[in-house]
C-alpha atoms as a PDB file:
ATOM      1  CA  MET A   1     -14.371   2.322  -1.673  1.00  0.00           C
ATOM      2  CA  THR A   2     -13.714   5.264   0.745  1.00  0.00           C
ATOM      3  CA  PRO A   3     -10.394   6.375   1.884  1.00  0.00           C
ATOM      4  CA  THR A   4     -11.039   5.141   5.335  1.00  0.00           C
ATOM      5  CA  GLU A   5     -11.973   1.988   4.574  1.00  0.00           C
ATOM      6  CA  LEU A   6      -9.276   1.468   2.023  1.00  0.00           C
ATOM      7  CA  VAL A   7      -7.070   2.308   4.896  1.00  0.00           C
ATOM      8  CA  ALA A   8      -8.871  -0.277   7.453  1.00  0.00           C
ATOM      9  CA  SER A   9      -8.464  -2.799   4.530  1.00  0.00           C
ATOM     10  CA  ILE A  10      -4.693  -2.824   4.350  1.00  0.00           C
ATOM     11  CA  ARG A  11      -2.968  -5.859   5.386  1.00  0.00           C
ATOM     12  CA  PRO A  12       1.280  -6.285   6.512  1.00  0.00           C
ATOM     13  CA  GLY A  13       2.797  -6.794   2.853  1.00  0.00           C
ATOM     14  CA  ASP A  14       0.334  -4.655   1.001  1.00  0.00           C
ATOM     15  CA  ARG A  15       2.276  -2.126  -1.559  1.00  0.00           C
ATOM     16  CA  VAL A  16       0.128   1.478  -0.481  1.00  0.00           C
ATOM     17  CA  THR A  17       0.729   4.211  -2.014  1.00  0.00           C
ATOM     18  CA  ILE A  18       0.191   7.725  -0.262  1.00  0.00           C
ATOM     19  CA  LEU A  19       0.797  11.598  -0.947  1.00  0.00           C
ATOM     20  CA  VAL A  20       3.370  13.394   0.593  1.00  0.00           C
ATOM     21  CA  PRO A  21       4.750  16.717   1.033  1.00  0.00           C
ATOM     22  CA  ALA A  22       7.111  17.848  -1.951  1.00  0.00           C
ATOM     23  CA  GLY A  23       7.934  21.364  -1.573  1.00  0.00           C
ATOM     24  CA  ARG A  24       6.429  25.121  -2.384  1.00  0.00           C
ATOM     25  CA  GLY A  25       5.254  25.945  -6.179  1.00  0.00           C
ATOM     26  CA  LEU A  26       3.776  28.776  -7.280  1.00  0.00           C
ATOM     27  CA  ARG A  27       0.211  27.727  -6.192  1.00  0.00           C
ATOM     28  CA  GLY A  28       0.838  26.820  -2.459  1.00  0.00           C
ATOM     29  CA  GLN A  29       1.735  23.009  -1.354  1.00  0.00           C
ATOM     30  CA  GLU A  30       2.590  20.292  -3.598  1.00  0.00           C
ATOM     31  CA  TYR A  31       2.342  16.898  -3.235  1.00  0.00           C
ATOM     32  CA  ALA A  32       4.186  13.678  -4.611  1.00  0.00           C
ATOM     33  CA  GLU A  33       3.489  10.045  -5.127  1.00  0.00           C
ATOM     34  CA  ARG A  34       5.189   8.002  -2.892  1.00  0.00           C
ATOM     35  CA  SER A  35       5.004   4.386  -2.810  1.00  0.00           C
ATOM     36  CA  GLY A  36       5.845   1.916   0.531  1.00  0.00           C
ATOM     37  CA  LYS A  37       5.415  -1.827   1.927  1.00  0.00           C
ATOM     38  CA  ALA A  38       2.761  -1.526   4.829  1.00  0.00           C
ATOM     39  CA  ILE A  39       4.505  -2.986   8.385  1.00  0.00           C
ATOM     40  CA  ILE A  40       1.938  -2.155  11.257  1.00  0.00           C
ATOM     41  CA  CYS A  41      -1.382  -1.863  10.331  1.00  0.00           C
ATOM     42  CA  SER A  42      -4.536  -0.606  12.741  1.00  0.00           C
ATOM     43  CA  GLY A  43      -8.122   0.528  11.656  1.00  0.00           C
ATOM     44  CA  THR A  44      -7.379   4.195  11.294  1.00  0.00           C
ATOM     45  CA  HIS A  45      -3.501   4.295   9.642  1.00  0.00           C
ATOM     46  CA  ALA A  46      -1.246   1.902   8.880  1.00  0.00           C
ATOM     47  CA  ALA A  47       2.811   2.483   9.277  1.00  0.00           C
ATOM     48  CA  LEU A  48       4.712   1.790   5.515  1.00  0.00           C
ATOM     49  CA  ASN A  49       8.522   1.300   4.699  1.00  0.00           C
ATOM     50  CA  MET A  50       8.996   3.516   2.410  1.00  0.00           C
ATOM     51  CA  GLY A  51      12.232   1.817   1.289  1.00  0.00           C
ATOM     52  CA  GLY A  52      15.968   3.457   1.273  1.00  0.00           C
ATOM     53  CA  ARG A  53      19.351   2.654   2.890  1.00  0.00           C
ATOM     54  CA  PHE A  54      17.328   2.526   6.942  1.00  0.00           C
ATOM     55  CA  GLY A  55      13.783   1.860   5.822  1.00  0.00           C
ATOM     56  CA  THR A  56      11.925   5.383   5.813  1.00  0.00           C
ATOM     57  CA  PRO A  57       8.759   5.212   7.644  1.00  0.00           C
ATOM     58  CA  GLY A  58       5.762   6.603   6.271  1.00  0.00           C
ATOM     59  CA  VAL A  59       2.129   7.155   7.588  1.00  0.00           C
ATOM     60  CA  ALA A  60      -1.201   6.522   5.394  1.00  0.00           C
ATOM     61  CA  THR A  61      -3.960   8.050   6.577  1.00  0.00           C
ATOM     62  CA  PRO A  62      -7.568   8.641   5.089  1.00  0.00           C
ATOM     63  CA  GLU A  63      -5.784  11.850   4.383  1.00  0.00           C
ATOM     64  CA  ASN A  64      -3.220  10.863   2.227  1.00  0.00           C
ATOM     65  CA  ILE A  65      -3.818   7.441   1.249  1.00  0.00           C
ATOM     66  CA  ILE A  66      -3.930   6.965  -3.250  1.00  0.00           C
ATOM     67  CA  SER A  67      -4.084   3.429  -3.768  1.00  0.00           C
ATOM     68  CA  VAL A  68      -3.364  -0.648  -2.314  1.00  0.00           C
ATOM     69  CA  ARG A  69      -1.676  -3.018  -3.987  1.00  0.00           C
ATOM     70  CA  ARG A  70      -2.709  -6.498  -2.505  1.00  0.00           C
ATOM     71  CA  ALA A  71       0.157  -8.825  -1.702  1.00  0.00           C
ATOM     72  CA  ARG A  72       0.259 -12.378  -2.715  1.00  0.00           C
ATOM     73  CA  THR A  73      -1.589 -14.814  -0.126  1.00  0.00           C
ATOM     74  CA  GLN A  74      -0.077 -17.446  -2.531  1.00  0.00           C
ATOM     75  CA  THR A  75       3.126 -18.975  -3.869  1.00  0.00           C
ATOM     76  CA  ARG A  76       3.279 -19.710  -7.621  1.00  0.00           C
ATOM     77  CA  GLN A  77       3.378 -23.045  -7.350  1.00  0.00           C
ATOM     78  CA  GLU A  78       0.263 -22.879  -5.420  1.00  0.00           C
ATOM     79  CA  GLN A  79      -1.094 -20.437  -7.412  1.00  0.00           C
ATOM     80  CA  ALA A  80      -0.241 -22.873 -10.897  1.00  0.00           C
ATOM     81  CA  GLN A  81      -1.857 -25.463  -9.062  1.00  0.00           C
ATOM     82  CA  GLU A  82      -5.279 -24.268  -8.566  1.00  0.00           C
ATOM     83  CA  PHE A  83      -5.098 -22.859 -12.284  1.00  0.00           C
ATOM     84  CA  LEU A  84      -4.783 -26.265 -13.231  1.00  0.00           C
ATOM     85  CA  GLN A  85      -7.522 -27.718 -11.342  1.00  0.00           C
ATOM     86  CA  LYS A  86      -9.918 -25.404 -12.269  1.00  0.00           C
ATOM     87  CA  VAL A  87      -8.346 -25.611 -16.482  1.00  0.00           C
ATOM     88  CA  CYS A  88      -8.672 -29.675 -16.079  1.00  0.00           C
ATOM     89  CA  PRO A  89     -11.160 -30.860 -13.631  1.00  0.00           C
END
């Protein structure tokens, strides 16, 4: 999956990991990975809540995205019921 497709697939609630500038090193600009929760999503970028006291903002773009972890769409009880229906028809 390309970074552009990855950004386009983000939904509100997903946990997104991006690269953020972390200072200058001996070999130039260095980057660190940071994760945040997707709040507002469009086809080309997503606004993230990076946490902290005031909800530090972040932006996921195809240039800085690393990974996306999907949010749960079902409750644990619904997942258990679905599992039992598959196991015990």
